[in-house]
Amino acid sequence: MGLIGRILGVGSGAGAAALGNAVEGVAEVFRPNATRQMELSAAAQEAALTQLGAEFSNAGSTWFDSAVNGLNRLPRPFLALGTVGLFVYAMIDPAAFSQRMVGLNAVPEPLWWLLGAVVAFYFGARETHYFRESRTVAGRVVIPQVAAQPPVQEIAKPSNPVPENPALADWKGGK
């Protein structure tokens, strides 16, 4: 083996490894290592989830917490039983019921939108809470397995080709 072979370490493979590491180091200057970036992102997400789990690990069990939990359980039964109660009220006293409905007809539309938003956010928050709770097992979030995603280059390509621009073609001297 010659002098250059010994310097580059061709016989042992160390030179090729050193050359590969050097190329990798230079390449990471221009484009970050995607694998390392994903590892760091996963570590940060796991740390955030661990911190979140620690914040809610010891739920309070004082009388105040029990009272608030009891109050949180009241709106759904009140809404359901109140709706059934309206039907019963309409059957018992139709004249009084119709007077009440005329009164409801006088409520301005923005107030109905506000009521709808409050009810939607209340039930949406509860649904989100139960959805998140069903994904949590022993203080850890269970993330469903996702099918392998295509590389970023395939995602960036438009699904429909861009139609030809006549003005651009004319400027280029095409048509």
C-alpha atoms as a PDB file:
ATOM      1  CA  MET A   1       0.000   0.000   0.000  1.00  0.00           C
ATOM      2  CA  GLY A   2       1.208   3.428  -0.819  1.00  0.00           C
ATOM      3  CA  LEU A   3       1.576   6.526   1.245  1.00  0.00           C
ATOM      4  CA  ILE A   4      -1.731   8.046   0.078  1.00  0.00           C
ATOM      5  CA  GLY A   5      -3.551   4.822   0.950  1.00  0.00           C
ATOM      6  CA  ARG A   6      -2.123   4.926   4.473  1.00  0.00           C
ATOM      7  CA  ILE A   7      -3.035   8.597   4.911  1.00  0.00           C
ATOM      8  CA  LEU A   8      -6.594   8.048   3.750  1.00  0.00           C
ATOM      9  CA  GLY A   9      -6.805   4.737   5.614  1.00  0.00           C
ATOM     10  CA  VAL A  10      -8.151   2.897   2.569  1.00  0.00           C
ATOM     11  CA  GLY A  11      -7.080  -0.495   3.855  1.00  0.00           C
ATOM     12  CA  SER A  12      -8.842  -0.216   7.219  1.00  0.00           C
ATOM     13  CA  GLY A  13     -11.939   1.709   6.131  1.00  0.00           C
ATOM     14  CA  ALA A  14     -11.277   4.435   8.702  1.00  0.00           C
ATOM     15  CA  GLY A  15     -10.504   6.950   5.978  1.00  0.00           C
ATOM     16  CA  ALA A  16     -13.830   6.345   4.252  1.00  0.00           C
ATOM     17  CA  ALA A  17     -15.653   6.730   7.565  1.00  0.00           C
ATOM     18  CA  ALA A  18     -13.780   9.957   8.309  1.00  0.00           C
ATOM     19  CA  LEU A  19     -14.552  11.260   4.843  1.00  0.00           C
ATOM     20  CA  GLY A  20     -18.229  10.346   5.287  1.00  0.00           C
ATOM     21  CA  ASN A  21     -18.374  12.132   8.644  1.00  0.00           C
ATOM     22  CA  ALA A  22     -16.763  15.210   7.146  1.00  0.00           C
ATOM     23  CA  VAL A  23     -19.241  15.278   4.269  1.00  0.00           C
ATOM     24  CA  GLU A  24     -22.114  14.810   6.719  1.00  0.00           C
ATOM     25  CA  GLY A  25     -20.851  17.695   8.852  1.00  0.00           C
ATOM     26  CA  VAL A  26     -20.580  19.990   5.853  1.00  0.00           C
ATOM     27  CA  ALA A  27     -24.013  18.955   4.568  1.00  0.00           C
ATOM     28  CA  GLU A  28     -25.627  19.705   7.941  1.00  0.00           C
ATOM     29  CA  VAL A  29     -24.424  23.290   7.646  1.00  0.00           C
ATOM     30  CA  PHE A  30     -26.671  23.772   4.617  1.00  0.00           C
ATOM     31  CA  ARG A  31     -29.542  21.410   5.506  1.00  0.00           C
ATOM     32  CA  PRO A  32     -30.349  20.195   9.044  1.00  0.00           C
ATOM     33  CA  ASN A  33     -30.288  16.480   9.762  1.00  0.00           C
ATOM     34  CA  ALA A  34     -33.944  15.446   9.390  1.00  0.00           C
ATOM     35  CA  THR A  35     -33.591  12.338  11.568  1.00  0.00           C
ATOM     36  CA  ARG A  36     -31.989  14.288  14.406  1.00  0.00           C
ATOM     37  CA  GLN A  37     -34.618  16.992  14.042  1.00  0.00           C
ATOM     38  CA  MET A  38     -37.404  14.378  14.402  1.00  0.00           C
ATOM     39  CA  GLU A  39     -35.675  12.838  17.434  1.00  0.00           C
ATOM     40  CA  LEU A  40     -35.404  16.237  19.121  1.00  0.00           C
ATOM     41  CA  SER A  41     -39.034  17.027  18.292  1.00  0.00           C
ATOM     42  CA  ALA A  42     -40.196  13.713  19.764  1.00  0.00           C
ATOM     43  CA  ALA A  43     -38.094  14.292  22.893  1.00  0.00           C
ATOM     44  CA  ALA A  44     -39.553  17.785  23.328  1.00  0.00           C
ATOM     45  CA  GLN A  45     -43.100  16.481  22.879  1.00  0.00           C
ATOM     46  CA  GLU A  46     -42.521  13.682  25.366  1.00  0.00           C
ATOM     47  CA  ALA A  47     -41.096  16.158  27.886  1.00  0.00           C
ATOM     48  CA  ALA A  48     -44.119  18.424  27.439  1.00  0.00           C
ATOM     49  CA  LEU A  49     -46.529  15.512  27.887  1.00  0.00           C
ATOM     50  CA  THR A  50     -44.651  14.329  30.967  1.00  0.00           C
ATOM     51  CA  GLN A  51     -44.860  17.824  32.474  1.00  0.00           C
ATOM     52  CA  LEU A  52     -48.559  18.032  31.636  1.00  0.00           C
ATOM     53  CA  GLY A  53     -49.150  14.631  33.222  1.00  0.00           C
ATOM     54  CA  ALA A  54     -47.302  15.724  36.361  1.00  0.00           C
ATOM     55  CA  GLU A  55     -49.487  18.826  36.671  1.00  0.00           C
ATOM     56  CA  PHE A  56     -52.664  16.743  36.714  1.00  0.00           C
ATOM     57  CA  SER A  57     -51.380  13.680  38.556  1.00  0.00           C
ATOM     58  CA  ASN A  58     -52.829  14.623  41.940  1.00  0.00           C
ATOM     59  CA  ALA A  59     -56.306  15.925  41.287  1.00  0.00           C
ATOM     60  CA  GLY A  60     -57.750  17.768  44.256  1.00  0.00           C
ATOM     61  CA  SER A  61     -60.274  15.971  46.406  1.00  0.00           C
ATOM     62  CA  THR A  62     -61.434  18.741  48.710  1.00  0.00           C
ATOM     63  CA  TRP A  63     -65.072  19.645  49.297  1.00  0.00           C
ATOM     64  CA  PHE A  64     -64.722  22.527  46.825  1.00  0.00           C
ATOM     65  CA  ASP A  65     -63.463  20.191  44.064  1.00  0.00           C
ATOM     66  CA  SER A  66     -66.374  17.860  44.698  1.00  0.00           C
ATOM     67  CA  ALA A  67     -68.847  20.760  44.574  1.00  0.00           C
ATOM     68  CA  VAL A  68     -67.415  22.041  41.285  1.00  0.00           C
ATOM     69  CA  ASN A  69     -67.474  18.540  39.790  1.00  0.00           C
ATOM     70  CA  GLY A  70     -71.108  18.243  40.840  1.00  0.00           C
ATOM     71  CA  LEU A  71     -71.960  21.607  39.247  1.00  0.00           C
ATOM     72  CA  ASN A  72     -70.192  20.574  36.048  1.00  0.00           C
ATOM     73  CA  ARG A  73     -72.494  17.575  35.798  1.00  0.00           C
ATOM     74  CA  LEU A  74     -75.714  19.620  36.009  1.00  0.00           C
ATOM     75  CA  PRO A  75     -76.095  21.409  32.631  1.00  0.00           C
ATOM     76  CA  ARG A  76     -76.669  18.325  30.467  1.00  0.00           C
ATOM     77  CA  PRO A  77     -79.445  16.858  32.610  1.00  0.00           C
ATOM     78  CA  PHE A  78     -81.015  20.310  32.990  1.00  0.00           C
ATOM     79  CA  LEU A  79     -81.032  20.836  29.217  1.00  0.00           C
ATOM     80  CA  ALA A  80     -82.401  17.362  28.509  1.00  0.00           C
ATOM     81  CA  LEU A  81     -85.073  17.405  31.213  1.00  0.00           C
ATOM     82  CA  GLY A  82     -85.925  21.039  30.435  1.00  0.00           C
ATOM     83  CA  THR A  83     -86.617  20.152  26.805  1.00  0.00           C
ATOM     84  CA  VAL A  84     -88.888  17.278  27.830  1.00  0.00           C
ATOM     85  CA  GLY A  85     -90.497  19.630  30.374  1.00  0.00           C
ATOM     86  CA  LEU A  86     -91.329  22.093  27.556  1.00  0.00           C
ATOM     87  CA  PHE A  87     -93.283  19.377  25.754  1.00  0.00           C
ATOM     88  CA  VAL A  88     -95.134  18.493  28.955  1.00  0.00           C
ATOM     89  CA  TYR A  89     -95.851  22.188  29.612  1.00  0.00           C
ATOM     90  CA  ALA A  90     -97.191  22.600  26.061  1.00  0.00           C
ATOM     91  CA  MET A  91     -99.626  19.715  26.662  1.00  0.00           C
ATOM     92  CA  ILE A  92    -100.766  20.936  30.076  1.00  0.00           C
ATOM     93  CA  ASP A  93    -101.293  24.649  29.320  1.00  0.00           C
ATOM     94  CA  PRO A  94    -101.096  25.425  25.573  1.00  0.00           C
ATOM     95  CA  ALA A  95    -102.164  29.093  25.954  1.00  0.00           C
ATOM     96  CA  ALA A  96     -99.448  29.922  28.499  1.00  0.00           C
ATOM     97  CA  PHE A  97     -96.902  27.951  26.453  1.00  0.00           C
ATOM     98  CA  SER A  98     -97.702  29.957  23.319  1.00  0.00           C
ATOM     99  CA  GLN A  99     -97.327  33.226  25.276  1.00  0.00           C
ATOM    100  CA  ARG A 100     -93.862  32.091  26.434  1.00  0.00           C
ATOM    101  CA  MET A 101     -92.902  31.187  22.854  1.00  0.00           C
ATOM    102  CA  VAL A 102     -93.994  34.656  21.645  1.00  0.00           C
ATOM    103  CA  GLY A 103     -91.670  36.054  24.300  1.00  0.00           C
ATOM    104  CA  LEU A 104     -88.819  33.878  22.996  1.00  0.00           C
ATOM    105  CA  ASN A 105     -89.565  35.145  19.485  1.00  0.00           C
ATOM    106  CA  ALA A 106     -88.781  38.672  20.732  1.00  0.00           C
ATOM    107  CA  VAL A 107     -85.203  37.686  21.652  1.00  0.00           C
ATOM    108  CA  PRO A 108     -82.812  39.330  19.135  1.00  0.00           C
ATOM    109  CA  GLU A 109     -80.913  37.046  16.760  1.00  0.00           C
ATOM    110  CA  PRO A 110     -77.391  37.964  18.012  1.00  0.00           C
ATOM    111  CA  LEU A 111     -78.402  36.766  21.469  1.00  0.00           C
ATOM    112  CA  TRP A 112     -79.429  33.395  19.977  1.00  0.00           C
ATOM    113  CA  TRP A 113     -76.042  33.191  18.254  1.00  0.00           C
ATOM    114  CA  LEU A 114     -74.328  33.910  21.569  1.00  0.00           C
ATOM    115  CA  LEU A 115     -76.348  31.222  23.340  1.00  0.00           C
ATOM    116  CA  GLY A 116     -75.504  28.755  20.575  1.00  0.00           C
ATOM    117  CA  ALA A 117     -71.804  29.562  20.837  1.00  0.00           C
ATOM    118  CA  VAL A 118     -71.794  29.144  24.624  1.00  0.00           C
ATOM    119  CA  VAL A 119     -73.582  25.793  24.430  1.00  0.00           C
ATOM    120  CA  ALA A 120     -71.397  24.596  21.539  1.00  0.00           C
ATOM    121  CA  PHE A 121     -68.169  25.529  23.331  1.00  0.00           C
ATOM    122  CA  TYR A 122     -69.387  23.921  26.565  1.00  0.00           C
ATOM    123  CA  PHE A 123     -70.230  20.611  24.939  1.00  0.00           C
ATOM    124  CA  GLY A 124     -67.253  20.801  22.592  1.00  0.00           C
ATOM    125  CA  ALA A 125     -64.895  21.259  25.531  1.00  0.00           C
ATOM    126  CA  ARG A 126     -66.463  18.314  27.330  1.00  0.00           C
ATOM    127  CA  GLU A 127     -66.206  16.141  24.223  1.00  0.00           C
ATOM    128  CA  THR A 128     -62.560  17.128  23.783  1.00  0.00           C
ATOM    129  CA  HIS A 129     -61.884  16.367  27.445  1.00  0.00           C
ATOM    130  CA  TYR A 130     -63.377  12.879  27.174  1.00  0.00           C
ATOM    131  CA  PHE A 131     -61.616  12.237  23.855  1.00  0.00           C
ATOM    132  CA  ARG A 132     -58.253  13.130  25.388  1.00  0.00           C
ATOM    133  CA  GLU A 133     -59.016  11.119  28.503  1.00  0.00           C
ATOM    134  CA  SER A 134     -59.802   8.010  26.447  1.00  0.00           C
ATOM    135  CA  ARG A 135     -56.372   8.253  24.789  1.00  0.00           C
ATOM    136  CA  THR A 136     -54.548   8.433  28.126  1.00  0.00           C
ATOM    137  CA  VAL A 137     -53.373   5.203  29.729  1.00  0.00           C
ATOM    138  CA  ALA A 138     -51.670   5.330  33.132  1.00  0.00           C
ATOM    139  CA  GLY A 139     -50.655   8.975  32.791  1.00  0.00           C
ATOM    140  CA  ARG A 140     -49.199   8.570  29.302  1.00  0.00           C
ATOM    141  CA  VAL A 141     -50.858   9.636  26.086  1.00  0.00           C
ATOM    142  CA  VAL A 142     -51.448   6.805  23.648  1.00  0.00           C
ATOM    143  CA  ILE A 143     -50.721   8.078  20.150  1.00  0.00           C
ATOM    144  CA  PRO A 144     -52.386   5.994  17.455  1.00  0.00           C
ATOM    145  CA  GLN A 145     -50.045   4.482  14.895  1.00  0.00           C
ATOM    146  CA  VAL A 146     -49.990   6.468  11.680  1.00  0.00           C
ATOM    147  CA  ALA A 147     -49.223   4.903   8.322  1.00  0.00           C
ATOM    148  CA  ALA A 148     -45.835   5.754   6.894  1.00  0.00           C
ATOM    149  CA  GLN A 149     -46.013   9.177   5.352  1.00  0.00           C
ATOM    150  CA  PRO A 150     -44.510   9.866   1.945  1.00  0.00           C
ATOM    151  CA  PRO A 151     -41.292  11.889   1.831  1.00  0.00           C
ATOM    152  CA  VAL A 152     -41.531  15.655   1.976  1.00  0.00           C
ATOM    153  CA  GLN A 153     -40.674  15.964  -1.714  1.00  0.00           C
ATOM    154  CA  GLU A 154     -43.834  14.031  -2.688  1.00  0.00           C
ATOM    155  CA  ILE A 155     -46.018  16.146  -0.420  1.00  0.00           C
ATOM    156  CA  ALA A 156     -44.697  19.393  -1.911  1.00  0.00           C
ATOM    157  CA  LYS A 157     -45.684  18.422  -5.455  1.00  0.00           C
ATOM    158  CA  PRO A 158     -49.084  19.800  -6.472  1.00  0.00           C
ATOM    159  CA  SER A 159     -51.698  17.129  -7.123  1.00  0.00           C
ATOM    160  CA  ASN A 160     -53.079  18.982 -10.138  1.00  0.00           C
ATOM    161  CA  PRO A 161     -50.618  20.414 -12.637  1.00  0.00           C
ATOM    162  CA  VAL A 162     -50.752  24.176 -12.958  1.00  0.00           C
ATOM    163  CA  PRO A 163     -52.472  25.182 -16.195  1.00  0.00           C
ATOM    164  CA  GLU A 164     -50.299  26.914 -18.750  1.00  0.00           C
ATOM    165  CA  ASN A 165     -50.215  30.688 -18.452  1.00  0.00           C
ATOM    166  CA  PRO A 166     -50.827  32.191 -21.924  1.00  0.00           C
ATOM    167  CA  ALA A 167     -49.223  35.527 -21.013  1.00  0.00           C
ATOM    168  CA  LEU A 168     -46.077  33.788 -19.766  1.00  0.00           C
ATOM    169  CA  ALA A 169     -45.916  31.603 -22.872  1.00  0.00           C
ATOM    170  CA  ASP A 170     -46.272  34.716 -25.058  1.00  0.00           C
ATOM    171  CA  TRP A 171     -43.516  36.491 -23.123  1.00  0.00           C
ATOM    172  CA  LYS A 172     -41.209  33.491 -23.549  1.00  0.00           C
ATOM    173  CA  GLY A 173     -41.921  33.612 -27.250  1.00  0.00           C
ATOM    174  CA  GLY A 174     -43.767  30.313 -27.326  1.00  0.00           C
ATOM    175  CA  LYS A 175     -47.123  30.646 -29.025  1.00  0.00           C
END
